[in-house]
């Protein structure tokens, strides 16, 4: 029956020298991987979105996170007015702008 179940033998006294630092190395490597794969790209995207939102101007054609395509007609501190159809404006938050489209995009649709 020894070939199915291994015997549990008592281990000798382990030497704690160097084991504390050696156990931290995988944790440090994991943090570095998370930083370069998750944290750094996300902060880069947040910076790019902030500069895009800050650089909005009248006449820019934008797409919102909800999928609305329109032209910026009025700018405020927190909200912007977007014309989505002739004589139809909606106010949206600046942060809900997903992308700035090239000029003439509305006319091609």
PDB file of N, CA and C in Angstrom:
ATOM      1  N   UNK A   1       0.812  -1.184   0.000  1.00  0.00           N
ATOM      2  CA  UNK A   1       0.000   0.000   0.000  1.00  0.00           C
ATOM      3  C   UNK A   1       0.863   1.259   0.000  1.00  0.00           C
ATOM      4  N   UNK A   2       2.150   1.118   0.157  1.00  0.00           N
ATOM      5  CA  UNK A   2       3.044   2.265   0.189  1.00  0.00           C
ATOM      6  C   UNK A   2       3.170   2.949  -1.173  1.00  0.00           C
ATOM      7  N   UNK A   3       2.878   2.265  -2.230  1.00  0.00           N
ATOM      8  CA  UNK A   3       3.013   2.883  -3.543  1.00  0.00           C
ATOM      9  C   UNK A   3       1.833   3.810  -3.872  1.00  0.00           C
ATOM     10  N   UNK A   4       0.702   3.742  -3.173  1.00  0.00           N
ATOM     11  CA  UNK A   4      -0.435   4.633  -3.385  1.00  0.00           C
ATOM     12  C   UNK A   4      -0.399   5.860  -2.479  1.00  0.00           C
ATOM     13  N   UNK A   5      -0.015   5.680  -1.268  1.00  0.00           N
ATOM     14  CA  UNK A   5       0.005   6.765  -0.295  1.00  0.00           C
ATOM     15  C   UNK A   5       1.419   6.919   0.232  1.00  0.00           C
ATOM     16  N   UNK A   6       1.940   8.123   0.114  1.00  0.00           N
ATOM     17  CA  UNK A   6       3.296   8.346   0.599  1.00  0.00           C
ATOM     18  C   UNK A   6       3.297   8.491   2.110  1.00  0.00           C
ATOM     19  N   UNK A   7       4.354   8.048   2.708  1.00  0.00           N
ATOM     20  CA  UNK A   7       4.501   8.178   4.155  1.00  0.00           C
ATOM     21  C   UNK A   7       4.836   9.615   4.505  1.00  0.00           C
ATOM     22  N   UNK A   8       4.306  10.093   5.606  1.00  0.00           N
ATOM     23  CA  UNK A   8       4.575  11.446   6.081  1.00  0.00           C
ATOM     24  C   UNK A   8       5.721  11.382   7.069  1.00  0.00           C
ATOM     25  N   UNK A   9       6.889  11.779   6.622  1.00  0.00           N
ATOM     26  CA  UNK A   9       8.056  11.796   7.475  1.00  0.00           C
ATOM     27  C   UNK A   9       8.269  13.202   8.004  1.00  0.00           C
ATOM     28  N   UNK A  10       8.725  13.308   9.198  1.00  0.00           N
ATOM     29  CA  UNK A  10       8.984  14.609   9.806  1.00  0.00           C
ATOM     30  C   UNK A  10      10.213  15.224   9.147  1.00  0.00           C
ATOM     31  N   UNK A  11      10.133  16.526   8.862  1.00  0.00           N
ATOM     32  CA  UNK A  11      11.262  17.221   8.253  1.00  0.00           C
ATOM     33  C   UNK A  11      12.221  17.664   9.335  1.00  0.00           C
ATOM     34  N   UNK A  12      13.450  17.842   8.915  1.00  0.00           N
ATOM     35  CA  UNK A  12      14.451  18.355   9.837  1.00  0.00           C
ATOM     36  C   UNK A  12      14.239  19.851  10.025  1.00  0.00           C
ATOM     37  N   UNK A  13      14.961  20.428  10.953  1.00  0.00           N
ATOM     38  CA  UNK A  13      14.837  21.855  11.224  1.00  0.00           C
ATOM     39  C   UNK A  13      15.340  22.639  10.006  1.00  0.00           C
ATOM     40  N   UNK A  14      14.514  23.539   9.509  1.00  0.00           N
ATOM     41  CA  UNK A  14      14.879  24.348   8.340  1.00  0.00           C
ATOM     42  C   UNK A  14      15.673  25.561   8.801  1.00  0.00           C
ATOM     43  N   UNK A  15      16.626  25.939   8.009  1.00  0.00           N
ATOM     44  CA  UNK A  15      17.419  27.117   8.345  1.00  0.00           C
ATOM     45  C   UNK A  15      16.728  28.350   7.776  1.00  0.00           C
ATOM     46  N   UNK A  16      16.377  29.330   8.596  1.00  0.00           N
ATOM     47  CA  UNK A  16      15.658  30.501   8.116  1.00  0.00           C
ATOM     48  C   UNK A  16      16.540  31.516   7.409  1.00  0.00           C
ATOM     49  N   UNK A  17      17.811  31.273   7.264  1.00  0.00           N
ATOM     50  CA  UNK A  17      18.715  32.240   6.657  1.00  0.00           C
ATOM     51  C   UNK A  17      18.403  32.390   5.168  1.00  0.00           C
ATOM     52  N   UNK A  18      18.073  33.607   4.740  1.00  0.00           N
ATOM     53  CA  UNK A  18      17.835  33.895   3.330  1.00  0.00           C
ATOM     54  C   UNK A  18      16.434  33.576   2.846  1.00  0.00           C
ATOM     55  N   UNK A  19      15.642  32.911   3.613  1.00  0.00           N
ATOM     56  CA  UNK A  19      14.312  32.531   3.149  1.00  0.00           C
ATOM     57  C   UNK A  19      13.353  33.723   3.118  1.00  0.00           C
ATOM     58  N   UNK A  20      13.570  34.735   3.951  1.00  0.00           N
ATOM     59  CA  UNK A  20      12.694  35.911   3.954  1.00  0.00           C
ATOM     60  C   UNK A  20      12.810  36.721   2.686  1.00  0.00           C
ATOM     61  N   UNK A  21      14.021  36.960   2.235  1.00  0.00           N
ATOM     62  CA  UNK A  21      14.243  37.720   1.004  1.00  0.00           C
ATOM     63  C   UNK A  21      13.836  36.920  -0.230  1.00  0.00           C
ATOM     64  N   UNK A  22      14.106  35.625  -0.194  1.00  0.00           N
ATOM     65  CA  UNK A  22      13.778  34.772  -1.339  1.00  0.00           C
ATOM     66  C   UNK A  22      12.268  34.674  -1.548  1.00  0.00           C
ATOM     67  N   UNK A  23      11.491  34.774  -0.496  1.00  0.00           N
ATOM     68  CA  UNK A  23      10.040  34.697  -0.649  1.00  0.00           C
ATOM     69  C   UNK A  23       9.448  36.014  -1.148  1.00  0.00           C
ATOM     70  N   UNK A  24      10.175  37.122  -1.038  1.00  0.00           N
ATOM     71  CA  UNK A  24       9.693  38.412  -1.523  1.00  0.00           C
ATOM     72  C   UNK A  24       9.953  38.622  -3.007  1.00  0.00           C
ATOM     73  N   UNK A  25      10.904  37.912  -3.581  1.00  0.00           N
ATOM     74  CA  UNK A  25      11.258  38.096  -4.987  1.00  0.00           C
ATOM     75  C   UNK A  25      10.069  37.841  -5.924  1.00  0.00           C
ATOM     76  N   UNK A  26       9.309  36.754  -5.783  1.00  0.00           N
ATOM     77  CA  UNK A  26       8.155  36.569  -6.674  1.00  0.00           C
ATOM     78  C   UNK A  26       7.102  37.667  -6.520  1.00  0.00           C
ATOM     79  N   UNK A  27       6.927  38.165  -5.315  1.00  0.00           N
ATOM     80  CA  UNK A  27       5.962  39.235  -5.082  1.00  0.00           C
ATOM     81  C   UNK A  27       6.395  40.521  -5.790  1.00  0.00           C
ATOM     82  N   UNK A  28       7.664  40.841  -5.728  1.00  0.00           N
ATOM     83  CA  UNK A  28       8.195  42.030  -6.397  1.00  0.00           C
ATOM     84  C   UNK A  28       8.071  41.880  -7.915  1.00  0.00           C
ATOM     85  N   UNK A  29       8.401  40.715  -8.433  1.00  0.00           N
ATOM     86  CA  UNK A  29       8.282  40.468  -9.873  1.00  0.00           C
ATOM     87  C   UNK A  29       6.829  40.592 -10.313  1.00  0.00           C
ATOM     88  N   UNK A  30       5.902  40.076  -9.531  1.00  0.00           N
ATOM     89  CA  UNK A  30       4.480  40.176  -9.856  1.00  0.00           C
ATOM     90  C   UNK A  30       4.021  41.629  -9.878  1.00  0.00           C
ATOM     91  N   UNK A  31       4.468  42.433  -8.919  1.00  0.00           N
ATOM     92  CA  UNK A  31       4.108  43.844  -8.900  1.00  0.00           C
ATOM     93  C   UNK A  31       4.656  44.571 -10.121  1.00  0.00           C
ATOM     94  N   UNK A  32       5.884  44.275 -10.514  1.00  0.00           N
ATOM     95  CA  UNK A  32       6.490  44.916 -11.689  1.00  0.00           C
ATOM     96  C   UNK A  32       5.713  44.551 -12.954  1.00  0.00           C
ATOM     97  N   UNK A  33       5.315  43.305 -13.076  1.00  0.00           N
ATOM     98  CA  UNK A  33       4.528  42.878 -14.241  1.00  0.00           C
ATOM     99  C   UNK A  33       3.185  43.595 -14.264  1.00  0.00           C
ATOM    100  N   UNK A  34       2.507  43.674 -13.132  1.00  0.00           N
ATOM    101  CA  UNK A  34       1.236  44.397 -13.063  1.00  0.00           C
ATOM    102  C   UNK A  34       1.410  45.867 -13.419  1.00  0.00           C
ATOM    103  N   UNK A  35       2.496  46.464 -12.963  1.00  0.00           N
ATOM    104  CA  UNK A  35       2.732  47.875 -13.253  1.00  0.00           C
ATOM    105  C   UNK A  35       2.864  48.103 -14.752  1.00  0.00           C
ATOM    106  N   UNK A  36       3.678  47.310 -15.422  1.00  0.00           N
ATOM    107  CA  UNK A  36       3.929  47.531 -16.843  1.00  0.00           C
ATOM    108  C   UNK A  36       2.786  47.060 -17.738  1.00  0.00           C
ATOM    109  N   UNK A  37       1.998  46.091 -17.303  1.00  0.00           N
ATOM    110  CA  UNK A  37       0.909  45.593 -18.137  1.00  0.00           C
ATOM    111  C   UNK A  37      -0.443  46.231 -17.851  1.00  0.00           C
ATOM    112  N   UNK A  38      -0.667  46.720 -16.636  1.00  0.00           N
ATOM    113  CA  UNK A  38      -1.981  47.252 -16.278  1.00  0.00           C
ATOM    114  C   UNK A  38      -1.959  48.722 -15.868  1.00  0.00           C
ATOM    115  N   UNK A  39      -1.146  49.071 -14.905  1.00  0.00           N
ATOM    116  CA  UNK A  39      -1.208  50.403 -14.309  1.00  0.00           C
ATOM    117  C   UNK A  39      -0.690  51.469 -15.264  1.00  0.00           C
ATOM    118  N   UNK A  40       0.473  51.270 -15.839  1.00  0.00           N
ATOM    119  CA  UNK A  40       1.080  52.282 -16.713  1.00  0.00           C
ATOM    120  C   UNK A  40       0.252  52.558 -17.975  1.00  0.00           C
ATOM    121  N   UNK A  41      -0.251  51.540 -18.695  1.00  0.00           N
ATOM    122  CA  UNK A  41      -1.079  51.846 -19.872  1.00  0.00           C
ATOM    123  C   UNK A  41      -2.378  52.565 -19.510  1.00  0.00           C
ATOM    124  N   UNK A  42      -2.975  52.228 -18.362  1.00  0.00           N
ATOM    125  CA  UNK A  42      -4.217  52.884 -17.967  1.00  0.00           C
ATOM    126  C   UNK A  42      -3.983  54.355 -17.649  1.00  0.00           C
ATOM    127  N   UNK A  43      -2.915  54.687 -16.956  1.00  0.00           N
ATOM    128  CA  UNK A  43      -2.646  56.093 -16.656  1.00  0.00           C
ATOM    129  C   UNK A  43      -2.326  56.863 -17.930  1.00  0.00           C
ATOM    130  N   UNK A  44      -1.703  56.211 -18.895  1.00  0.00           N
ATOM    131  CA  UNK A  44      -1.423  56.856 -20.185  1.00  0.00           C
ATOM    132  C   UNK A  44      -2.731  57.174 -20.914  1.00  0.00           C
ATOM    133  N   UNK A  45      -3.695  56.219 -20.918  1.00  0.00           N
ATOM    134  CA  UNK A  45      -4.992  56.461 -21.562  1.00  0.00           C
ATOM    135  C   UNK A  45      -5.752  57.582 -20.867  1.00  0.00           C
ATOM    136  N   UNK A  46      -5.679  57.636 -19.550  1.00  0.00           N
ATOM    137  CA  UNK A  46      -6.378  58.691 -18.802  1.00  0.00           C
ATOM    138  C   UNK A  46      -5.795  60.054 -19.151  1.00  0.00           C
ATOM    139  N   UNK A  47      -4.476  60.159 -19.257  1.00  0.00           N
ATOM    140  CA  UNK A  47      -3.844  61.432 -19.629  1.00  0.00           C
ATOM    141  C   UNK A  47      -4.247  61.856 -21.038  1.00  0.00           C
ATOM    142  N   UNK A  48      -4.258  60.912 -21.981  1.00  0.00           N
ATOM    143  CA  UNK A  48      -4.643  61.233 -23.354  1.00  0.00           C
ATOM    144  C   UNK A  48      -6.096  61.704 -23.427  1.00  0.00           C
ATOM    145  N   UNK A  49      -6.990  61.061 -22.677  1.00  0.00           N
ATOM    146  CA  UNK A  49      -8.402  61.461 -22.675  1.00  0.00           C
ATOM    147  C   UNK A  49      -8.561  62.849 -22.073  1.00  0.00           C
ATOM    148  N   UNK A  50      -7.830  63.133 -21.009  1.00  0.00           N
ATOM    149  CA  UNK A  50      -7.919  64.449 -20.376  1.00  0.00           C
ATOM    150  C   UNK A  50      -7.445  65.544 -21.326  1.00  0.00           C
ATOM    151  N   UNK A  51      -6.347  65.323 -22.033  1.00  0.00           N
ATOM    152  CA  UNK A  51      -5.869  66.339 -22.983  1.00  0.00           C
ATOM    153  C   UNK A  51      -6.845  66.507 -24.138  1.00  0.00           C
ATOM    154  N   UNK A  52      -7.491  65.414 -24.585  1.00  0.00           N
ATOM    155  CA  UNK A  52      -8.484  65.513 -25.656  1.00  0.00           C
ATOM    156  C   UNK A  52      -9.688  66.334 -25.192  1.00  0.00           C
ATOM    157  N   UNK A  53     -10.156  66.076 -23.991  1.00  0.00           N
ATOM    158  CA  UNK A  53     -11.328  66.802 -23.472  1.00  0.00           C
ATOM    159  C   UNK A  53     -10.985  68.273 -23.257  1.00  0.00           C
ATOM    160  N   UNK A  54      -9.786  68.556 -22.771  1.00  0.00           N
ATOM    161  CA  UNK A  54      -9.381  69.944 -22.544  1.00  0.00           C
ATOM    162  C   UNK A  54      -9.188  70.710 -23.849  1.00  0.00           C
ATOM    163  N   UNK A  55      -8.882  70.025 -24.937  1.00  0.00           N
ATOM    164  CA  UNK A  55      -8.619  70.704 -26.207  1.00  0.00           C
ATOM    165  C   UNK A  55      -9.860  70.818 -27.091  1.00  0.00           C
ATOM    166  N   UNK A  56     -11.045  70.476 -26.583  1.00  0.00           N
ATOM    167  CA  UNK A  56     -12.264  70.610 -27.382  1.00  0.00           C
ATOM    168  C   UNK A  56     -12.517  72.076 -27.721  1.00  0.00           C
ATOM    169  N   UNK A  57     -13.026  72.299 -28.935  1.00  0.00           N
ATOM    170  CA  UNK A  57     -13.334  73.653 -29.378  1.00  0.00           C
ATOM    171  C   UNK A  57     -14.657  73.646 -30.126  1.00  0.00           C
ATOM    172  N   UNK A  58     -15.231  74.824 -30.321  1.00  0.00           N
ATOM    173  CA  UNK A  58     -16.474  74.933 -31.085  1.00  0.00           C
ATOM    174  C   UNK A  58     -16.236  74.429 -32.498  1.00  0.00           C
ATOM    175  N   UNK A  59     -17.198  73.688 -33.005  1.00  0.00           N
ATOM    176  CA  UNK A  59     -17.098  73.177 -34.360  1.00  0.00           C
ATOM    177  C   UNK A  59     -16.483  71.792 -34.465  1.00  0.00           C
ATOM    178  N   UNK A  60     -15.912  71.279 -33.381  1.00  0.00           N
ATOM    179  CA  UNK A  60     -15.358  69.923 -33.405  1.00  0.00           C
ATOM    180  C   UNK A  60     -16.482  68.909 -33.520  1.00  0.00           C
ATOM    181  N   UNK A  61     -16.251  67.882 -34.307  1.00  0.00           N
ATOM    182  CA  UNK A  61     -17.214  66.792 -34.421  1.00  0.00           C
ATOM    183  C   UNK A  61     -16.764  65.677 -33.485  1.00  0.00           C
ATOM    184  N   UNK A  62     -17.669  65.250 -32.612  1.00  0.00           N
ATOM    185  CA  UNK A  62     -17.319  64.310 -31.548  1.00  0.00           C
ATOM    186  C   UNK A  62     -18.257  63.114 -31.541  1.00  0.00           C
ATOM    187  N   UNK A  63     -17.809  62.060 -30.894  1.00  0.00           N
ATOM    188  CA  UNK A  63     -18.637  60.902 -30.594  1.00  0.00           C
ATOM    189  C   UNK A  63     -18.642  60.750 -29.083  1.00  0.00           C
ATOM    190  N   UNK A  64     -19.831  60.581 -28.510  1.00  0.00           N
ATOM    191  CA  UNK A  64     -19.930  60.394 -27.064  1.00  0.00           C
ATOM    192  C   UNK A  64     -19.789  58.919 -26.722  1.00  0.00           C
ATOM    193  N   UNK A  65     -19.654  58.635 -25.445  1.00  0.00           N
ATOM    194  CA  UNK A  65     -19.555  57.248 -25.002  1.00  0.00           C
ATOM    195  C   UNK A  65     -20.866  56.508 -25.234  1.00  0.00           C
ATOM    196  N   UNK A  66     -21.959  57.239 -25.361  1.00  0.00           N
ATOM    197  CA  UNK A  66     -23.248  56.630 -25.656  1.00  0.00           C
ATOM    198  C   UNK A  66     -23.462  56.385 -27.137  1.00  0.00           C
ATOM    199  N   UNK A  67     -22.549  56.894 -27.985  1.00  0.00           N
ATOM    200  CA  UNK A  67     -22.651  56.640 -29.411  1.00  0.00           C
ATOM    201  C   UNK A  67     -23.235  57.781 -30.216  1.00  0.00           C
ATOM    202  N   UNK A  68     -23.520  58.921 -29.594  1.00  0.00           N
ATOM    203  CA  UNK A  68     -24.063  60.058 -30.338  1.00  0.00           C
ATOM    204  C   UNK A  68     -22.946  60.758 -31.098  1.00  0.00           C
ATOM    205  N   UNK A  69     -23.232  61.111 -32.359  1.00  0.00           N
ATOM    206  CA  UNK A  69     -22.289  61.848 -33.179  1.00  0.00           C
ATOM    207  C   UNK A  69     -22.854  63.246 -33.367  1.00  0.00           C
ATOM    208  N   UNK A  70     -22.047  64.254 -33.099  1.00  0.00           N
ATOM    209  CA  UNK A  70     -22.539  65.620 -33.226  1.00  0.00           C
ATOM    210  C   UNK A  70     -21.411  66.625 -33.281  1.00  0.00           C
ATOM    211  N   UNK A  71     -21.830  67.903 -33.406  1.00  0.00           N
ATOM    212  CA  UNK A  71     -20.884  69.007 -33.504  1.00  0.00           C
ATOM    213  C   UNK A  71     -21.002  69.866 -32.257  1.00  0.00           C
ATOM    214  N   UNK A  72     -19.875  70.234 -31.686  1.00  0.00           N
ATOM    215  CA  UNK A  72     -19.846  71.057 -30.481  1.00  0.00           C
ATOM    216  C   UNK A  72     -20.275  72.469 -30.846  1.00  0.00           C
ATOM    217  N   UNK A  73     -21.295  72.990 -30.123  1.00  0.00           N
ATOM    218  CA  UNK A  73     -21.781  74.342 -30.386  1.00  0.00           C
ATOM    219  C   UNK A  73     -21.504  75.305 -29.247  1.00  0.00           C
ATOM    220  N   UNK A  74     -21.356  74.793 -28.037  1.00  0.00           N
ATOM    221  CA  UNK A  74     -21.119  75.655 -26.879  1.00  0.00           C
ATOM    222  C   UNK A  74     -20.303  74.885 -25.857  1.00  0.00           C
ATOM    223  N   UNK A  75     -19.344  75.564 -25.257  1.00  0.00           N
ATOM    224  CA  UNK A  75     -18.481  74.926 -24.265  1.00  0.00           C
ATOM    225  C   UNK A  75     -18.682  75.554 -22.895  1.00  0.00           C
ATOM    226  N   UNK A  76     -18.772  74.713 -21.889  1.00  0.00           N
ATOM    227  CA  UNK A  76     -18.820  75.166 -20.507  1.00  0.00           C
ATOM    228  C   UNK A  76     -17.709  74.496 -19.724  1.00  0.00           C
ATOM    229  N   UNK A  77     -17.698  74.737 -18.413  1.00  0.00           N
ATOM    230  CA  UNK A  77     -16.665  74.122 -17.591  1.00  0.00           C
ATOM    231  C   UNK A  77     -16.852  72.612 -17.486  1.00  0.00           C
ATOM    232  N   UNK A  78     -18.077  72.171 -17.209  1.00  0.00           N
ATOM    233  CA  UNK A  78     -18.350  70.749 -17.024  1.00  0.00           C
ATOM    234  C   UNK A  78     -19.215  70.153 -18.124  1.00  0.00           C
ATOM    235  N   UNK A  79     -19.972  70.995 -18.829  1.00  0.00           N
ATOM    236  CA  UNK A  79     -20.893  70.510 -19.844  1.00  0.00           C
ATOM    237  C   UNK A  79     -20.607  71.180 -21.174  1.00  0.00           C
ATOM    238  N   UNK A  80     -20.973  70.482 -22.265  1.00  0.00           N
ATOM    239  CA  UNK A  80     -20.887  71.067 -23.600  1.00  0.00           C
ATOM    240  C   UNK A  80     -22.209  70.845 -24.311  1.00  0.00           C
ATOM    241  N   UNK A  81     -22.544  71.751 -25.221  1.00  0.00           N
ATOM    242  CA  UNK A  81     -23.749  71.607 -26.033  1.00  0.00           C
ATOM    243  C   UNK A  81     -23.322  71.006 -27.364  1.00  0.00           C
ATOM    244  N   UNK A  82     -24.029  69.964 -27.766  1.00  0.00           N
ATOM    245  CA  UNK A  82     -23.707  69.247 -28.994  1.00  0.00           C
ATOM    246  C   UNK A  82     -24.937  69.230 -29.884  1.00  0.00           C
ATOM    247  N   UNK A  83     -24.761  69.647 -31.140  1.00  0.00           N
ATOM    248  CA  UNK A  83     -25.849  69.607 -32.106  1.00  0.00           C
ATOM    249  C   UNK A  83     -25.807  68.244 -32.790  1.00  0.00           C
ATOM    250  N   UNK A  84     -26.860  67.434 -32.570  1.00  0.00           N
ATOM    251  CA  UNK A  84     -26.881  66.090 -33.125  1.00  0.00           C
ATOM    252  C   UNK A  84     -27.758  66.004 -34.370  1.00  0.00           C
ATOM    253  N   UNK A  85     -28.571  67.017 -34.609  1.00  0.00           N
ATOM    254  CA  UNK A  85     -29.405  67.128 -35.808  1.00  0.00           C
ATOM    255  C   UNK A  85     -29.668  68.617 -36.001  1.00  0.00           C
ATOM    256  N   UNK A  86     -30.112  69.030 -37.193  1.00  0.00           N
ATOM    257  CA  UNK A  86     -30.415  70.453 -37.376  1.00  0.00           C
ATOM    258  C   UNK A  86     -31.434  70.943 -36.339  1.00  0.00           C
ATOM    259  N   UNK A  87     -31.089  72.021 -35.653  1.00  0.00           N
ATOM    260  CA  UNK A  87     -31.926  72.634 -34.617  1.00  0.00           C
ATOM    261  C   UNK A  87     -32.221  71.698 -33.438  1.00  0.00           C
ATOM    262  N   UNK A  88     -31.344  70.759 -33.143  1.00  0.00           N
ATOM    263  CA  UNK A  88     -31.520  69.862 -31.999  1.00  0.00           C
ATOM    264  C   UNK A  88     -30.189  69.756 -31.263  1.00  0.00           C
ATOM    265  N   UNK A  89     -30.148  70.363 -30.071  1.00  0.00           N
ATOM    266  CA  UNK A  89     -28.945  70.353 -29.258  1.00  0.00           C
ATOM    267  C   UNK A  89     -29.195  69.583 -27.971  1.00  0.00           C
ATOM    268  N   UNK A  90     -28.160  68.895 -27.513  1.00  0.00           N
ATOM    269  CA  UNK A  90     -28.200  68.228 -26.213  1.00  0.00           C
ATOM    270  C   UNK A  90     -26.981  68.676 -25.427  1.00  0.00           C
ATOM    271  N   UNK A  91     -27.142  68.694 -24.123  1.00  0.00           N
ATOM    272  CA  UNK A  91     -26.009  69.008 -23.255  1.00  0.00           C
ATOM    273  C   UNK A  91     -25.487  67.706 -22.676  1.00  0.00           C
ATOM    274  N   UNK A  92     -24.170  67.555 -22.738  1.00  0.00           N
ATOM    275  CA  UNK A  92     -23.536  66.359 -22.199  1.00  0.00           C
ATOM    276  C   UNK A  92     -22.353  66.780 -21.344  1.00  0.00           C
ATOM    277  N   UNK A  93     -21.906  65.874 -20.495  1.00  0.00           N
ATOM    278  CA  UNK A  93     -20.712  66.135 -19.698  1.00  0.00           C
ATOM    279  C   UNK A  93     -19.486  66.055 -20.590  1.00  0.00           C
ATOM    280  N   UNK A  94     -18.504  66.877 -20.275  1.00  0.00           N
ATOM    281  CA  UNK A  94     -17.260  66.860 -21.054  1.00  0.00           C
ATOM    282  C   UNK A  94     -16.599  65.486 -21.020  1.00  0.00           C
ATOM    283  N   UNK A  95     -16.647  64.830 -19.869  1.00  0.00           N
ATOM    284  CA  UNK A  95     -15.963  63.553 -19.710  1.00  0.00           C
ATOM    285  C   UNK A  95     -16.600  62.424 -20.515  1.00  0.00           C
ATOM    286  N   UNK A  96     -17.821  62.625 -21.015  1.00  0.00           N
ATOM    287  CA  UNK A  96     -18.467  61.564 -21.780  1.00  0.00           C
ATOM    288  C   UNK A  96     -18.107  61.602 -23.259  1.00  0.00           C
ATOM    289  N   UNK A  97     -17.198  62.485 -23.658  1.00  0.00           N
ATOM    290  CA  UNK A  97     -16.725  62.516 -25.038  1.00  0.00           C
ATOM    291  C   UNK A  97     -15.742  61.364 -25.214  1.00  0.00           C
ATOM    292  N   UNK A  98     -16.021  60.502 -26.189  1.00  0.00           N
ATOM    293  CA  UNK A  98     -15.168  59.336 -26.415  1.00  0.00           C
ATOM    294  C   UNK A  98     -14.080  59.623 -27.438  1.00  0.00           C
ATOM    295  N   UNK A  99     -14.419  60.380 -28.497  1.00  0.00           N
ATOM    296  CA  UNK A  99     -13.430  60.622 -29.546  1.00  0.00           C
ATOM    297  C   UNK A  99     -13.788  61.879 -30.310  1.00  0.00           C
ATOM    298  N   UNK A 100     -12.771  62.515 -30.861  1.00  0.00           N
ATOM    299  CA  UNK A 100     -12.959  63.647 -31.762  1.00  0.00           C
ATOM    300  C   UNK A 100     -12.790  63.105 -33.171  1.00  0.00           C
ATOM    301  N   UNK A 101     -13.807  63.319 -33.999  1.00  0.00           N
ATOM    302  CA  UNK A 101     -13.803  62.801 -35.361  1.00  0.00           C
ATOM    303  C   UNK A 101     -13.209  63.833 -36.318  1.00  0.00           C
ATOM    304  N   UNK A 102     -12.742  63.387 -37.485  1.00  0.00           N
ATOM    305  CA  UNK A 102     -12.241  64.339 -38.483  1.00  0.00           C
ATOM    306  C   UNK A 102     -13.361  65.230 -39.006  1.00  0.00           C
ATOM    307  N   UNK A 103     -13.002  66.420 -39.443  1.00  0.00           N
ATOM    308  CA  UNK A 103     -13.996  67.350 -39.977  1.00  0.00           C
ATOM    309  C   UNK A 103     -14.683  66.730 -41.188  1.00  0.00           C
ATOM    310  N   UNK A 104     -16.002  66.936 -41.290  1.00  0.00           N
ATOM    311  CA  UNK A 104     -16.773  66.414 -42.407  1.00  0.00           C
ATOM    312  C   UNK A 104     -17.339  65.020 -42.192  1.00  0.00           C
ATOM    313  N   UNK A 105     -17.161  64.464 -41.038  1.00  0.00           N
ATOM    314  CA  UNK A 105     -17.672  63.116 -40.777  1.00  0.00           C
ATOM    315  C   UNK A 105     -19.190  63.103 -40.783  1.00  0.00           C
ATOM    316  N   UNK A 106     -19.807  64.141 -40.251  1.00  0.00           N
ATOM    317  CA  UNK A 106     -21.275  64.187 -40.182  1.00  0.00           C
ATOM    318  C   UNK A 106     -21.875  64.258 -41.591  1.00  0.00           C
ATOM    319  N   UNK A 107     -21.227  64.968 -42.497  1.00  0.00           N
ATOM    320  CA  UNK A 107     -21.761  65.118 -43.849  1.00  0.00           C
ATOM    321  C   UNK A 107     -21.675  63.821 -44.634  1.00  0.00           C
ATOM    322  N   UNK A 108     -20.731  62.957 -44.324  1.00  0.00           N
ATOM    323  CA  UNK A 108     -20.588  61.716 -45.061  1.00  0.00           C
ATOM    324  C   UNK A 108     -21.586  60.652 -44.635  1.00  0.00           C
ATOM    325  N   UNK A 109     -22.258  60.841 -43.498  1.00  0.00           N
ATOM    326  CA  UNK A 109     -23.215  59.845 -43.019  1.00  0.00           C
ATOM    327  C   UNK A 109     -24.559  60.070 -43.590  1.00  0.00           C
TER     328      UNK A 109
END
